[in-house]
């Protein structure tokens, strides 16, 4: 009789453990960065343009950002965006100056990049020149500050810090 009672208690304990395991939500590790393939090269920002109004980056639920250098064919690092970080980046990019900054500017174009923001199945590409006073361009909207934007995006993609 004692053996039967021990066996029943063991079965109850095993069922309890299995039931808890099945009902406990499992959390997958958070994905913060990944390697992604660049879209076809946009050609970079225009060599000369007049800075103009308009949003460089419309508000959207962006989930990923990455930088592609001119002609990049290998996968590049990308950073998964939190909603807060996406909102901060949209604000910073749209707040880039429309006036040429004071001081000396580069006389030659610098390294050219496409900053790619993914929202759903759409890739929105912003073209930037990473030279001092470099232009940032998308769909007719042009700003200055490509050098700073390049530094900010590189730091964010690499470290996750804005």
N, C-alpha and C. Protein backbone atom coordinates (compact mmCIF):
# COMPACT_ATOMS: atom_id res chain seq x y z
N UNK A 1 0.81 -1.18 0.00
CA UNK A 1 0.00 0.00 0.00
C UNK A 1 0.86 1.27 0.00
N UNK A 2 1.94 1.27 0.78
CA UNK A 2 2.85 2.42 0.84
C UNK A 2 3.52 2.63 -0.51
N UNK A 3 3.84 1.54 -1.19
CA UNK A 3 4.47 1.64 -2.50
C UNK A 3 3.51 2.29 -3.49
N UNK A 4 2.26 1.91 -3.41
CA UNK A 4 1.26 2.48 -4.30
C UNK A 4 1.10 3.98 -4.03
N UNK A 5 1.10 4.40 -2.77
CA UNK A 5 0.96 5.81 -2.42
C UNK A 5 2.16 6.61 -2.93
N UNK A 6 3.35 6.06 -2.78
CA UNK A 6 4.56 6.74 -3.28
C UNK A 6 4.51 6.87 -4.80
N UNK A 7 4.06 5.83 -5.47
CA UNK A 7 3.96 5.85 -6.93
C UNK A 7 2.96 6.91 -7.39
N UNK A 8 1.83 7.01 -6.70
CA UNK A 8 0.82 8.01 -7.06
C UNK A 8 1.37 9.42 -6.84
N UNK A 9 2.07 9.65 -5.73
CA UNK A 9 2.66 10.96 -5.46
C UNK A 9 3.72 11.32 -6.51
N UNK A 10 4.50 10.34 -6.94
CA UNK A 10 5.52 10.57 -7.97
C UNK A 10 4.87 10.95 -9.29
N UNK A 11 3.77 10.29 -9.63
CA UNK A 11 3.06 10.60 -10.87
C UNK A 11 2.48 12.02 -10.81
N UNK A 12 1.88 12.35 -9.66
CA UNK A 12 1.32 13.69 -9.49
C UNK A 12 2.41 14.76 -9.61
N UNK A 13 3.56 14.52 -8.99
CA UNK A 13 4.67 15.47 -9.06
C UNK A 13 5.15 15.62 -10.50
N UNK A 14 5.28 14.52 -11.22
CA UNK A 14 5.75 14.57 -12.61
C UNK A 14 4.76 15.33 -13.48
N UNK A 15 3.46 15.08 -13.29
CA UNK A 15 2.44 15.78 -14.08
C UNK A 15 2.48 17.27 -13.77
N UNK A 16 2.69 17.64 -12.53
CA UNK A 16 2.76 19.05 -12.14
C UNK A 16 3.95 19.73 -12.80
N UNK A 17 5.11 19.09 -12.80
CA UNK A 17 6.31 19.67 -13.42
C UNK A 17 6.10 19.84 -14.92
N UNK A 18 5.57 18.84 -15.58
CA UNK A 18 5.35 18.92 -17.03
C UNK A 18 4.32 20.01 -17.34
N UNK A 19 3.24 20.07 -16.56
CA UNK A 19 2.21 21.08 -16.77
C UNK A 19 2.77 22.49 -16.63
N UNK A 20 3.60 22.72 -15.62
CA UNK A 20 4.21 24.04 -15.44
C UNK A 20 5.12 24.39 -16.62
N UNK A 21 5.89 23.40 -17.05
CA UNK A 21 6.82 23.64 -18.17
C UNK A 21 6.05 24.01 -19.44
N UNK A 22 4.91 23.34 -19.66
CA UNK A 22 4.13 23.62 -20.87
C UNK A 22 3.40 24.96 -20.79
N UNK A 23 3.09 25.41 -19.61
CA UNK A 23 2.34 26.65 -19.45
C UNK A 23 3.21 27.87 -19.17
N UNK A 24 4.52 27.69 -19.05
CA UNK A 24 5.42 28.80 -18.82
C UNK A 24 5.86 29.36 -20.17
N UNK A 25 5.59 30.65 -20.46
CA UNK A 25 6.00 31.20 -21.75
C UNK A 25 7.53 31.17 -21.89
N UNK A 26 7.97 30.75 -23.03
CA UNK A 26 9.40 30.71 -23.31
C UNK A 26 9.79 31.99 -24.03
N UNK A 27 10.86 32.60 -23.60
CA UNK A 27 11.33 33.83 -24.23
C UNK A 27 12.55 33.52 -25.09
N UNK A 28 12.46 33.99 -26.32
CA UNK A 28 13.60 33.85 -27.21
C UNK A 28 14.56 35.01 -26.93
N UNK A 29 15.85 34.79 -27.17
CA UNK A 29 16.77 35.91 -26.97
C UNK A 29 16.44 37.05 -27.92
N UNK A 30 16.58 38.27 -27.44
CA UNK A 30 16.29 39.44 -28.27
C UNK A 30 17.32 39.56 -29.39
N UNK A 31 16.84 39.82 -30.58
CA UNK A 31 17.74 40.04 -31.72
C UNK A 31 17.96 41.54 -31.81
N UNK A 32 19.20 41.96 -31.69
CA UNK A 32 19.50 43.38 -31.75
C UNK A 32 20.19 43.78 -33.04
N UNK A 33 20.99 42.86 -33.58
CA UNK A 33 21.67 43.18 -34.82
C UNK A 33 21.72 41.95 -35.71
N UNK A 34 21.94 42.18 -36.99
CA UNK A 34 22.01 41.10 -37.95
C UNK A 34 22.76 41.59 -39.18
N UNK A 35 23.10 40.68 -40.06
CA UNK A 35 23.72 41.06 -41.32
C UNK A 35 22.66 41.03 -42.40
N UNK A 36 22.65 42.06 -43.24
CA UNK A 36 21.64 42.20 -44.28
C UNK A 36 22.28 42.54 -45.61
N UNK A 37 21.59 42.24 -46.67
CA UNK A 37 22.08 42.56 -48.01
C UNK A 37 21.57 43.93 -48.43
N UNK A 38 22.43 44.66 -49.10
CA UNK A 38 22.08 46.01 -49.55
C UNK A 38 21.21 45.95 -50.81
N UNK A 39 20.26 46.89 -50.92
CA UNK A 39 19.50 46.98 -52.17
C UNK A 39 20.40 47.55 -53.28
N UNK A 40 19.89 47.60 -54.48
CA UNK A 40 20.64 48.19 -55.60
C UNK A 40 21.09 49.60 -55.22
N UNK A 41 22.30 49.95 -55.60
CA UNK A 41 22.88 51.26 -55.25
C UNK A 41 22.05 52.39 -55.85
N UNK A 42 21.76 53.40 -55.04
CA UNK A 42 20.91 54.52 -55.46
C UNK A 42 21.67 55.55 -56.28
N UNK A 43 22.98 55.55 -56.19
CA UNK A 43 23.78 56.56 -56.88
C UNK A 43 24.23 57.68 -55.97
N UNK A 44 23.77 57.68 -54.72
CA UNK A 44 24.18 58.70 -53.77
C UNK A 44 23.43 60.00 -53.98
N UNK A 45 23.66 60.96 -53.10
CA UNK A 45 22.96 62.24 -53.23
C UNK A 45 23.51 63.01 -54.42
N UNK A 46 22.77 63.99 -54.90
CA UNK A 46 23.29 64.80 -56.01
C UNK A 46 24.56 65.52 -55.58
N UNK A 47 25.45 65.76 -56.53
CA UNK A 47 26.71 66.44 -56.22
C UNK A 47 26.46 67.85 -55.72
N UNK A 48 25.48 68.50 -56.28
CA UNK A 48 25.10 69.83 -55.80
C UNK A 48 23.58 69.87 -55.77
N UNK A 49 23.07 70.53 -54.77
CA UNK A 49 21.62 70.68 -54.67
C UNK A 49 21.34 71.83 -53.72
N UNK A 50 20.19 72.37 -53.84
CA UNK A 50 19.76 73.39 -52.91
C UNK A 50 18.97 72.69 -51.82
N UNK A 51 19.36 72.93 -50.58
CA UNK A 51 18.64 72.32 -49.49
C UNK A 51 17.21 72.80 -49.52
N UNK A 52 16.30 71.87 -49.33
CA UNK A 52 14.90 72.23 -49.42
C UNK A 52 14.07 71.59 -48.34
N UNK A 53 12.86 72.05 -48.20
CA UNK A 53 11.98 71.55 -47.16
C UNK A 53 11.45 70.17 -47.50
N UNK A 54 10.68 69.66 -46.60
CA UNK A 54 10.09 68.33 -46.79
C UNK A 54 10.77 67.34 -45.87
N UNK A 55 10.06 66.28 -45.60
CA UNK A 55 10.61 65.26 -44.73
C UNK A 55 11.59 64.39 -45.48
N UNK A 56 12.74 64.18 -44.86
CA UNK A 56 13.67 63.20 -45.40
C UNK A 56 13.17 61.79 -45.08
N UNK A 57 12.64 61.64 -43.88
CA UNK A 57 12.21 60.33 -43.41
C UNK A 57 10.82 60.44 -42.81
N UNK A 58 9.80 59.95 -43.51
CA UNK A 58 8.45 60.04 -42.97
C UNK A 58 8.30 59.16 -41.73
N UNK A 59 7.38 59.51 -40.88
CA UNK A 59 7.12 58.70 -39.69
C UNK A 59 6.51 57.38 -40.14
N UNK A 60 7.05 56.30 -39.61
CA UNK A 60 6.57 54.96 -39.93
C UNK A 60 7.09 54.01 -38.85
N UNK A 61 6.64 52.79 -38.88
CA UNK A 61 7.08 51.78 -37.91
C UNK A 61 8.34 51.10 -38.46
N UNK A 62 9.46 51.82 -38.40
CA UNK A 62 10.72 51.26 -38.89
C UNK A 62 11.21 50.19 -37.92
N UNK A 63 11.70 49.10 -38.49
CA UNK A 63 12.14 47.97 -37.67
C UNK A 63 13.61 47.66 -37.81
N UNK A 64 14.27 48.22 -38.82
CA UNK A 64 15.67 47.89 -39.09
C UNK A 64 16.33 49.06 -39.79
N UNK A 65 17.61 49.31 -39.46
CA UNK A 65 18.38 50.34 -40.16
C UNK A 65 19.76 49.77 -40.49
N UNK A 66 20.28 50.14 -41.66
CA UNK A 66 21.65 49.75 -42.03
C UNK A 66 22.20 50.73 -43.05
N UNK A 67 23.53 50.76 -43.14
CA UNK A 67 24.24 51.63 -44.07
C UNK A 67 24.91 50.81 -45.16
N UNK A 68 24.74 51.24 -46.39
CA UNK A 68 25.38 50.58 -47.52
C UNK A 68 26.30 51.57 -48.21
N UNK A 69 27.56 51.21 -48.33
CA UNK A 69 28.52 52.06 -49.04
C UNK A 69 28.29 51.92 -50.54
N UNK A 70 28.80 52.89 -51.29
CA UNK A 70 28.72 52.89 -52.74
C UNK A 70 29.17 51.54 -53.29
N UNK A 71 28.28 50.83 -53.95
CA UNK A 71 28.63 49.58 -54.61
C UNK A 71 28.79 48.38 -53.68
N UNK A 72 28.34 48.46 -52.45
CA UNK A 72 28.49 47.36 -51.48
C UNK A 72 27.76 46.12 -51.99
N UNK A 73 28.47 44.98 -51.99
CA UNK A 73 27.85 43.74 -52.44
C UNK A 73 27.81 42.67 -51.35
N UNK A 74 28.57 42.85 -50.29
CA UNK A 74 28.58 41.89 -49.20
C UNK A 74 27.53 42.29 -48.14
N UNK A 75 27.01 41.31 -47.38
CA UNK A 75 26.08 41.67 -46.31
C UNK A 75 26.75 42.64 -45.32
N UNK A 76 25.95 43.57 -44.81
CA UNK A 76 26.44 44.59 -43.89
C UNK A 76 25.69 44.46 -42.57
N UNK A 77 26.25 45.02 -41.48
CA UNK A 77 25.53 44.95 -40.21
C UNK A 77 24.30 45.86 -40.22
N UNK A 78 23.24 45.37 -39.64
CA UNK A 78 22.02 46.16 -39.47
C UNK A 78 21.62 46.12 -38.01
N UNK A 79 20.86 47.11 -37.58
CA UNK A 79 20.41 47.19 -36.18
C UNK A 79 18.89 47.16 -36.16
N UNK A 80 18.33 46.25 -35.37
CA UNK A 80 16.89 46.21 -35.15
C UNK A 80 16.50 47.44 -34.35
N UNK A 81 15.49 48.14 -34.80
CA UNK A 81 15.06 49.39 -34.17
C UNK A 81 13.93 49.15 -33.17
N UNK A 82 14.07 49.74 -32.00
CA UNK A 82 12.93 49.81 -31.08
C UNK A 82 12.06 50.96 -31.56
N UNK A 83 10.84 51.00 -31.14
CA UNK A 83 9.94 52.08 -31.55
C UNK A 83 10.49 53.45 -31.10
N UNK A 84 11.01 53.50 -29.88
CA UNK A 84 11.55 54.76 -29.36
C UNK A 84 12.76 55.20 -30.18
N UNK A 85 13.69 54.28 -30.46
CA UNK A 85 14.87 54.64 -31.25
C UNK A 85 14.49 55.07 -32.66
N UNK A 86 13.50 54.39 -33.25
CA UNK A 86 13.05 54.77 -34.59
C UNK A 86 12.51 56.19 -34.57
N UNK A 87 11.70 56.52 -33.56
CA UNK A 87 11.15 57.88 -33.46
C UNK A 87 12.25 58.92 -33.28
N UNK A 88 13.26 58.61 -32.46
CA UNK A 88 14.37 59.54 -32.25
C UNK A 88 15.13 59.77 -33.56
N UNK A 89 15.39 58.69 -34.30
CA UNK A 89 16.13 58.83 -35.56
C UNK A 89 15.31 59.64 -36.58
N UNK A 90 14.02 59.39 -36.67
CA UNK A 90 13.17 60.15 -37.60
C UNK A 90 13.26 61.63 -37.25
N UNK A 91 13.15 61.96 -35.98
CA UNK A 91 13.22 63.36 -35.56
C UNK A 91 14.58 63.98 -35.90
N UNK A 92 15.67 63.26 -35.57
CA UNK A 92 17.02 63.80 -35.83
C UNK A 92 17.25 64.02 -37.31
N UNK A 93 16.84 63.07 -38.11
CA UNK A 93 17.08 63.18 -39.56
C UNK A 93 16.27 64.33 -40.14
N UNK A 94 15.01 64.46 -39.75
CA UNK A 94 14.18 65.54 -40.28
C UNK A 94 14.60 66.90 -39.74
N UNK A 95 15.36 66.92 -38.65
CA UNK A 95 15.82 68.19 -38.07
C UNK A 95 17.19 68.62 -38.61
N UNK A 96 17.76 67.86 -39.55
CA UNK A 96 19.04 68.27 -40.12
C UNK A 96 18.89 69.65 -40.74
N UNK A 97 19.97 70.45 -40.73
CA UNK A 97 19.85 71.84 -41.18
C UNK A 97 19.63 71.97 -42.69
N UNK A 98 18.83 72.98 -43.03
CA UNK A 98 18.62 73.31 -44.44
C UNK A 98 19.63 74.35 -44.90
N UNK A 99 20.34 74.95 -43.97
CA UNK A 99 21.36 75.95 -44.28
C UNK A 99 22.74 75.32 -44.20
N UNK A 100 23.60 75.71 -45.11
CA UNK A 100 24.99 75.23 -45.07
C UNK A 100 25.62 75.66 -43.74
N UNK A 101 26.29 74.73 -43.05
CA UNK A 101 26.89 75.09 -41.76
C UNK A 101 28.04 76.08 -41.93
N UNK A 102 28.30 76.88 -40.88
CA UNK A 102 29.43 77.82 -40.96
C UNK A 102 30.75 77.06 -40.96
N UNK A 103 31.77 77.71 -41.42
CA UNK A 103 33.09 77.10 -41.42
C UNK A 103 33.40 76.43 -42.74
N UNK A 104 34.60 75.87 -42.82
CA UNK A 104 35.01 75.25 -44.08
C UNK A 104 34.25 73.95 -44.35
N UNK A 105 33.93 73.75 -45.59
CA UNK A 105 33.28 72.51 -46.02
C UNK A 105 34.20 71.81 -46.99
N UNK A 106 34.02 70.52 -47.11
CA UNK A 106 34.84 69.74 -48.05
C UNK A 106 34.58 70.24 -49.47
N UNK A 107 35.63 70.27 -50.27
CA UNK A 107 35.47 70.70 -51.66
C UNK A 107 35.16 69.51 -52.56
N UNK A 108 35.45 68.32 -52.09
CA UNK A 108 35.17 67.10 -52.85
C UNK A 108 34.07 66.31 -52.14
N UNK A 109 33.38 65.50 -52.89
CA UNK A 109 32.40 64.61 -52.26
C UNK A 109 33.16 63.60 -51.40
N UNK A 110 32.54 63.23 -50.32
CA UNK A 110 33.14 62.23 -49.44
C UNK A 110 32.65 60.85 -49.78
N UNK A 111 32.86 59.90 -48.89
CA UNK A 111 32.29 58.58 -49.12
C UNK A 111 30.77 58.69 -49.19
N UNK A 112 30.17 57.95 -50.12
CA UNK A 112 28.73 58.00 -50.32
C UNK A 112 28.08 56.76 -49.72
N UNK A 113 26.92 56.95 -49.10
CA UNK A 113 26.21 55.86 -48.45
C UNK A 113 24.72 55.96 -48.71
N UNK A 114 24.07 54.82 -48.67
CA UNK A 114 22.62 54.75 -48.58
C UNK A 114 22.29 54.32 -47.16
N UNK A 115 21.48 55.11 -46.46
CA UNK A 115 20.96 54.70 -45.16
C UNK A 115 19.60 54.06 -45.45
N UNK A 116 19.47 52.80 -45.10
CA UNK A 116 18.26 52.05 -45.43
C UNK A 116 17.44 51.83 -44.16
N UNK A 117 16.19 52.24 -44.21
CA UNK A 117 15.25 52.04 -43.11
C UNK A 117 14.16 51.10 -43.59
N UNK A 118 13.98 50.01 -42.88
CA UNK A 118 12.98 49.01 -43.27
C UNK A 118 11.72 49.20 -42.44
N UNK A 119 10.59 49.23 -43.13
CA UNK A 119 9.28 49.28 -42.50
C UNK A 119 8.39 48.28 -43.22
N UNK A 120 8.03 47.21 -42.54
CA UNK A 120 7.28 46.14 -43.21
C UNK A 120 8.13 45.55 -44.31
N UNK A 121 7.59 45.49 -45.51
CA UNK A 121 8.36 44.96 -46.64
C UNK A 121 9.00 46.07 -47.47
N UNK A 122 8.92 47.31 -46.99
CA UNK A 122 9.43 48.46 -47.73
C UNK A 122 10.78 48.91 -47.20
N UNK A 123 11.70 49.15 -48.11
CA UNK A 123 12.99 49.77 -47.77
C UNK A 123 12.94 51.23 -48.22
N UNK A 124 13.13 52.14 -47.27
CA UNK A 124 13.20 53.55 -47.60
C UNK A 124 14.67 53.95 -47.56
N UNK A 125 15.17 54.51 -48.64
CA UNK A 125 16.60 54.81 -48.78
C UNK A 125 16.82 56.32 -48.72
N UNK A 126 17.74 56.71 -47.82
CA UNK A 126 18.19 58.10 -47.75
C UNK A 126 19.63 58.11 -48.24
N UNK A 127 19.94 58.98 -49.17
CA UNK A 127 21.29 59.07 -49.73
C UNK A 127 22.09 60.09 -48.93
N UNK A 128 23.34 59.75 -48.60
CA UNK A 128 24.13 60.72 -47.86
C UNK A 128 25.59 60.73 -48.29
N UNK A 129 26.16 61.93 -48.21
CA UNK A 129 27.57 62.18 -48.50
C UNK A 129 28.22 62.43 -47.15
N UNK A 130 29.19 61.59 -46.78
CA UNK A 130 29.79 61.66 -45.44
C UNK A 130 30.91 62.70 -45.32
N UNK A 131 31.09 63.55 -46.33
CA UNK A 131 32.09 64.63 -46.24
C UNK A 131 31.55 65.73 -45.32
N UNK A 132 32.45 66.58 -44.81
CA UNK A 132 32.04 67.72 -43.99
C UNK A 132 31.05 68.56 -44.81
N UNK A 133 29.91 68.88 -44.23
CA UNK A 133 28.82 69.61 -44.89
C UNK A 133 28.15 68.77 -45.97
N UNK A 134 28.35 67.46 -45.96
CA UNK A 134 27.79 66.59 -46.99
C UNK A 134 26.27 66.64 -47.01
N UNK A 135 25.73 66.44 -48.18
CA UNK A 135 24.29 66.49 -48.36
C UNK A 135 23.62 65.17 -47.97
N UNK A 136 22.39 65.29 -47.51
CA UNK A 136 21.52 64.15 -47.22
C UNK A 136 20.29 64.38 -48.08
N UNK A 137 19.86 63.36 -48.83
CA UNK A 137 18.83 63.58 -49.85
C UNK A 137 17.87 62.40 -49.93
N UNK A 138 16.61 62.71 -50.14
CA UNK A 138 15.60 61.71 -50.49
C UNK A 138 14.40 62.40 -51.08
N UNK A 139 13.99 61.96 -52.24
CA UNK A 139 12.74 62.40 -52.88
C UNK A 139 12.58 63.92 -52.90
N UNK A 140 13.62 64.63 -53.28
CA UNK A 140 13.53 66.07 -53.42
C UNK A 140 13.82 66.86 -52.16
N UNK A 141 13.84 66.20 -51.00
CA UNK A 141 14.20 66.89 -49.75
C UNK A 141 15.70 66.74 -49.57
N UNK A 142 16.37 67.85 -49.30
CA UNK A 142 17.83 67.84 -49.15
C UNK A 142 18.21 68.63 -47.91
N UNK A 143 19.16 68.11 -47.16
CA UNK A 143 19.66 68.78 -45.96
C UNK A 143 21.18 68.67 -45.94
N UNK A 144 21.78 69.42 -45.03
CA UNK A 144 23.21 69.30 -44.76
C UNK A 144 23.38 68.42 -43.51
N UNK A 145 24.60 67.90 -43.36
CA UNK A 145 24.90 67.12 -42.16
C UNK A 145 25.13 65.65 -42.42
N UNK A 146 25.47 65.30 -43.65
CA UNK A 146 25.74 63.90 -43.97
C UNK A 146 26.85 63.30 -43.15
N UNK A 147 27.86 64.12 -42.80
CA UNK A 147 28.97 63.61 -41.99
C UNK A 147 28.49 63.22 -40.60
N UNK A 148 27.70 64.07 -39.96
CA UNK A 148 27.21 63.77 -38.61
C UNK A 148 26.21 62.61 -38.64
N UNK A 149 25.33 62.59 -39.63
CA UNK A 149 24.37 61.51 -39.73
C UNK A 149 25.08 60.17 -39.92
N UNK A 150 26.13 60.17 -40.75
CA UNK A 150 26.89 58.94 -40.95
C UNK A 150 27.50 58.47 -39.63
N UNK A 151 28.10 59.39 -38.87
CA UNK A 151 28.69 59.02 -37.56
C UNK A 151 27.62 58.49 -36.61
N UNK A 152 26.47 59.18 -36.54
CA UNK A 152 25.40 58.76 -35.63
C UNK A 152 24.86 57.38 -35.99
N UNK A 153 24.61 57.15 -37.28
CA UNK A 153 24.08 55.85 -37.69
C UNK A 153 25.10 54.74 -37.50
N UNK A 154 26.37 55.02 -37.79
CA UNK A 154 27.41 54.01 -37.60
C UNK A 154 27.50 53.62 -36.12
N UNK A 155 27.48 54.63 -35.25
CA UNK A 155 27.54 54.35 -33.80
C UNK A 155 26.32 53.54 -33.36
N UNK A 156 25.15 53.93 -33.83
CA UNK A 156 23.93 53.23 -33.43
C UNK A 156 23.93 51.79 -33.92
N UNK A 157 24.27 51.59 -35.18
CA UNK A 157 24.29 50.23 -35.74
C UNK A 157 25.31 49.37 -35.01
N UNK A 158 26.46 49.95 -34.67
CA UNK A 158 27.54 49.20 -34.01
C UNK A 158 27.26 48.93 -32.53
N UNK A 159 26.73 49.93 -31.81
CA UNK A 159 26.62 49.81 -30.36
C UNK A 159 25.19 49.77 -29.84
N UNK A 160 24.24 50.26 -30.62
CA UNK A 160 22.86 50.36 -30.14
C UNK A 160 22.60 51.62 -29.35
N UNK A 161 23.59 52.53 -29.31
CA UNK A 161 23.43 53.79 -28.56
C UNK A 161 23.27 54.96 -29.51
N UNK A 162 22.25 55.75 -29.24
CA UNK A 162 22.01 56.96 -30.05
C UNK A 162 22.83 58.11 -29.54
